[in-house]
N, C-alpha and C. Protein backbone atom coordinates (compact mmCIF):
# COMPACT_ATOMS: atom_id res chain seq x y z
N UNK A 1 0.82 -1.28 0.08
CA UNK A 1 -0.07 0.10 -0.11
C UNK A 1 0.76 1.08 0.20
N UNK A 2 0.79 2.21 -0.85
CA UNK A 2 1.54 3.35 -0.85
C UNK A 2 1.18 4.30 0.38
N UNK A 3 2.33 4.97 0.68
CA UNK A 3 2.21 6.01 1.50
C UNK A 3 1.68 7.21 1.17
N UNK A 4 0.67 7.70 2.27
CA UNK A 4 -0.06 9.03 1.93
C UNK A 4 0.95 10.22 1.79
N UNK A 5 0.76 10.99 0.90
CA UNK A 5 1.46 12.31 0.85
C UNK A 5 0.42 13.39 1.05
N UNK A 6 1.12 14.57 1.95
CA UNK A 6 0.34 15.71 1.72
C UNK A 6 1.29 16.91 1.71
N UNK A 7 0.70 17.92 1.31
CA UNK A 7 1.29 19.09 1.09
C UNK A 7 0.51 20.42 2.09
N UNK A 8 1.44 21.03 2.92
CA UNK A 8 1.06 21.99 3.69
C UNK A 8 2.10 23.19 4.22
N UNK A 9 1.92 23.96 4.99
CA UNK A 9 2.37 24.98 5.53
C UNK A 9 3.10 24.74 6.89
N UNK A 10 4.39 25.15 7.14
CA UNK A 10 5.07 24.85 8.35
C UNK A 10 4.43 26.06 9.40
N UNK A 11 3.94 25.65 10.50
CA UNK A 11 3.54 26.70 11.46
C UNK A 11 4.29 26.56 12.68
N UNK A 12 5.07 25.70 12.99
CA UNK A 12 6.01 25.86 14.32
C UNK A 12 7.03 24.84 14.05
N UNK A 13 8.41 25.58 14.62
CA UNK A 13 9.61 24.89 14.42
C UNK A 13 10.19 24.72 15.70
N UNK A 14 9.38 25.05 16.86
CA UNK A 14 10.13 25.12 18.27
C UNK A 14 10.78 23.91 18.86
N UNK A 15 10.14 22.76 18.37
CA UNK A 15 10.37 21.54 19.12
C UNK A 15 11.73 21.20 18.28
N UNK A 16 12.58 20.20 18.92
CA UNK A 16 13.83 19.82 18.21
C UNK A 16 13.34 18.68 17.21
N UNK A 17 14.01 18.61 16.17
CA UNK A 17 13.61 17.56 14.97
C UNK A 17 12.19 17.25 14.70
N UNK A 18 11.57 18.48 14.75
CA UNK A 18 9.78 18.23 14.61
C UNK A 18 9.35 19.74 14.12
N UNK A 19 8.49 19.43 13.06
CA UNK A 19 7.94 20.60 12.58
C UNK A 19 6.32 20.34 12.46
N UNK A 20 5.86 21.28 12.98
CA UNK A 20 4.11 21.27 12.87
C UNK A 20 3.67 21.81 11.46
N UNK A 21 2.98 21.00 10.92
CA UNK A 21 2.51 21.23 9.44
C UNK A 21 0.93 21.46 9.21
N UNK A 22 0.42 22.69 8.92
CA UNK A 22 -1.02 22.77 8.62
C UNK A 22 -1.38 22.45 7.13
N UNK A 23 -2.30 21.37 7.11
CA UNK A 23 -2.69 21.04 5.85
C UNK A 23 -4.18 21.61 5.59
N UNK A 24 -4.45 22.31 4.70
CA UNK A 24 -5.84 22.98 4.36
C UNK A 24 -6.35 21.96 3.32
N UNK A 25 -7.97 21.81 3.23
CA UNK A 25 -8.53 20.95 2.47
C UNK A 25 -9.73 21.62 2.13
N UNK A 26 -10.25 21.89 0.89
CA UNK A 26 -11.56 22.32 0.71
C UNK A 26 -12.37 21.32 0.35
N UNK A 27 -13.86 21.53 0.42
CA UNK A 27 -14.60 20.35 -0.06
C UNK A 27 -16.09 21.00 -0.10
N UNK A 28 -17.15 20.74 -0.78
CA UNK A 28 -18.43 21.10 -1.03
C UNK A 28 -19.24 20.52 -0.07
N UNK A 29 -19.82 21.54 0.91
CA UNK A 29 -20.63 21.38 1.87
C UNK A 29 -22.16 20.63 1.35
N UNK A 30 -22.48 19.09 1.85
CA UNK A 30 -23.47 18.54 1.32
C UNK A 30 -24.77 19.27 1.24
N UNK A 31 -25.37 20.04 2.40
CA UNK A 31 -26.54 20.52 2.44
C UNK A 31 -26.42 21.99 1.84
N UNK A 32 -25.35 22.93 2.36
CA UNK A 32 -25.40 24.11 1.80
C UNK A 32 -24.95 24.33 0.55
N UNK A 33 -24.17 23.50 -0.11
CA UNK A 33 -23.51 23.43 -1.51
C UNK A 33 -22.76 24.86 -1.48
N UNK A 34 -21.81 25.00 -0.66
CA UNK A 34 -20.93 26.05 -0.55
C UNK A 34 -19.71 25.44 -0.18
N UNK A 35 -18.53 26.14 -0.70
CA UNK A 35 -17.04 25.36 -0.63
C UNK A 35 -16.68 25.64 1.04
N UNK A 36 -16.27 24.70 1.65
CA UNK A 36 -15.90 24.85 2.93
C UNK A 36 -14.39 24.61 3.05
N UNK A 37 -13.76 25.47 4.04
CA UNK A 37 -12.28 25.41 4.28
C UNK A 37 -11.90 24.74 5.53
N UNK A 38 -11.08 23.43 5.55
CA UNK A 38 -10.86 22.97 7.01
C UNK A 38 -9.32 22.89 6.97
N UNK A 39 -8.89 22.70 8.07
CA UNK A 39 -7.34 22.70 8.24
C UNK A 39 -7.01 21.66 9.48
N UNK A 40 -5.94 20.94 9.22
CA UNK A 40 -5.65 19.96 10.31
C UNK A 40 -4.10 20.19 10.34
N UNK A 41 -3.56 19.97 11.57
CA UNK A 41 -2.23 20.08 11.95
C UNK A 41 -1.40 18.75 12.18
N UNK A 42 -0.54 18.50 11.63
CA UNK A 42 0.10 17.19 11.75
C UNK A 42 1.68 17.57 12.08
N UNK A 43 1.96 16.76 13.32
CA UNK A 43 3.46 16.72 13.76
C UNK A 43 4.53 15.94 12.71
N UNK A 44 5.52 16.57 12.12
CA UNK A 44 6.22 15.73 11.16
C UNK A 44 7.76 15.77 11.78
N UNK A 45 8.39 14.35 11.44
CA UNK A 45 9.83 14.46 11.88
C UNK A 45 10.65 15.24 10.72
N UNK A 46 11.63 16.15 11.24
CA UNK A 46 12.37 17.10 10.32
C UNK A 46 13.94 16.57 11.27
N UNK A 47 14.64 15.71 10.49
CA UNK A 47 15.93 15.17 10.91
C UNK A 47 16.87 16.28 11.26
N UNK A 48 16.97 17.39 10.01
CA UNK A 48 18.10 18.13 10.10
C UNK A 48 17.78 19.71 10.56
N UNK A 49 16.58 19.42 11.14
CA UNK A 49 15.87 20.96 11.36
C UNK A 49 15.94 21.93 10.37
N UNK A 50 15.44 21.60 9.20
CA UNK A 50 15.75 22.67 8.12
C UNK A 50 14.47 23.46 7.64
N UNK A 51 13.35 22.81 8.26
CA UNK A 51 12.04 23.62 8.20
C UNK A 51 12.14 24.94 8.42
N UNK A 52 11.46 25.91 8.00
CA UNK A 52 11.21 27.11 8.42
C UNK A 52 9.75 27.56 8.47
N UNK A 53 9.28 28.29 9.42
CA UNK A 53 7.80 28.85 9.54
C UNK A 53 7.59 29.52 8.38
N UNK A 54 6.31 29.41 7.61
CA UNK A 54 5.62 29.76 6.73
C UNK A 54 6.29 29.08 5.45
N UNK A 55 6.89 28.01 5.28
CA UNK A 55 7.53 27.43 4.28
C UNK A 55 6.44 26.24 4.14
N UNK A 56 6.29 26.12 2.34
CA UNK A 56 5.46 24.93 2.01
C UNK A 56 6.22 23.87 1.87
N UNK A 57 6.03 22.71 2.53
CA UNK A 57 6.61 21.43 2.55
C UNK A 57 5.60 20.08 2.10
N UNK A 58 6.15 19.01 1.67
CA UNK A 58 5.35 17.82 1.36
C UNK A 58 5.65 17.26 2.65
N UNK A 59 4.55 16.33 3.19
CA UNK A 59 5.07 15.33 4.42
C UNK A 59 4.59 13.88 3.94
N UNK A 60 5.10 12.83 4.44
CA UNK A 60 4.69 11.64 3.82
C UNK A 60 4.54 10.72 5.23
N UNK A 61 3.75 9.90 4.94
CA UNK A 61 3.43 8.86 6.18
C UNK A 61 4.51 7.87 6.43
N UNK A 62 4.84 7.91 7.66
CA UNK A 62 6.09 7.02 8.06
C UNK A 62 5.65 6.04 9.30
N UNK A 63 6.43 5.15 9.86
CA UNK A 63 6.11 4.36 11.14
C UNK A 63 6.05 5.28 12.26
N UNK A 64 5.33 4.92 13.35
CA UNK A 64 5.43 6.11 14.30
C UNK A 64 6.60 6.07 14.82
N UNK A 65 7.10 7.53 15.13
CA UNK A 65 8.44 8.02 15.60
C UNK A 65 8.20 8.45 17.10
N UNK A 66 7.08 8.73 17.53
CA UNK A 66 6.84 9.07 18.98
C UNK A 66 5.34 9.12 19.03
N UNK A 67 4.76 9.60 20.23
CA UNK A 67 3.42 9.46 20.45
C UNK A 67 2.58 10.28 19.33
N UNK A 68 3.07 11.37 18.82
CA UNK A 68 2.41 12.21 17.76
C UNK A 68 3.07 12.27 16.59
N UNK A 69 4.25 11.76 16.36
CA UNK A 69 4.77 11.96 14.99
C UNK A 69 4.56 10.55 14.14
N UNK A 70 3.81 10.63 13.16
CA UNK A 70 3.58 9.62 12.08
C UNK A 70 3.85 10.04 10.83
N UNK A 71 4.24 11.16 10.66
CA UNK A 71 4.75 11.87 9.45
C UNK A 71 6.17 12.36 9.35
N UNK A 72 6.79 12.45 8.26
CA UNK A 72 8.01 12.88 7.96
C UNK A 72 8.08 13.89 6.85
N UNK A 73 8.82 14.80 7.13
CA UNK A 73 9.08 15.65 6.00
C UNK A 73 9.93 15.13 4.71
N UNK A 74 9.43 15.43 3.65
CA UNK A 74 9.81 14.89 2.26
C UNK A 74 10.55 15.92 1.50
N UNK A 75 9.83 16.91 1.15
CA UNK A 75 10.48 18.05 0.61
C UNK A 75 9.85 19.41 0.73
N UNK A 76 10.96 20.39 0.37
CA UNK A 76 10.35 21.88 0.59
C UNK A 76 11.57 22.60 0.20
N UNK A 77 11.34 23.91 -0.14
CA UNK A 77 12.68 24.67 -0.01
C UNK A 77 13.76 24.35 0.86
N UNK A 78 14.92 23.67 0.68
CA UNK A 78 15.93 23.69 1.78
C UNK A 78 15.60 22.09 2.34
N UNK A 79 14.64 21.47 2.31
CA UNK A 79 14.46 19.98 2.90
C UNK A 79 15.27 19.10 1.98
N UNK A 80 15.54 17.95 2.70
CA UNK A 80 16.25 16.86 2.05
C UNK A 80 15.35 16.27 1.04
N UNK A 81 15.58 16.17 -0.11
CA UNK A 81 14.42 15.78 -0.74
C UNK A 81 15.29 14.43 -1.91
């Protein structure tokens, strides 16, 4: 089974080797027929501490590294791609 890949914006890099990434999604509301925007934050493993707040990055699913981290940084400006 392929690993899930998502694209988002780094919102925090205060933790060591961790970047918090906000992933936005849009969908059509089933009743109101209006475009709705939702976002969710994911903790991603950032081995080299290369992520910068505001940077657009790609994250990929990985085996659990800690209680919250089940994603890893794959690509972005300055990331190890």
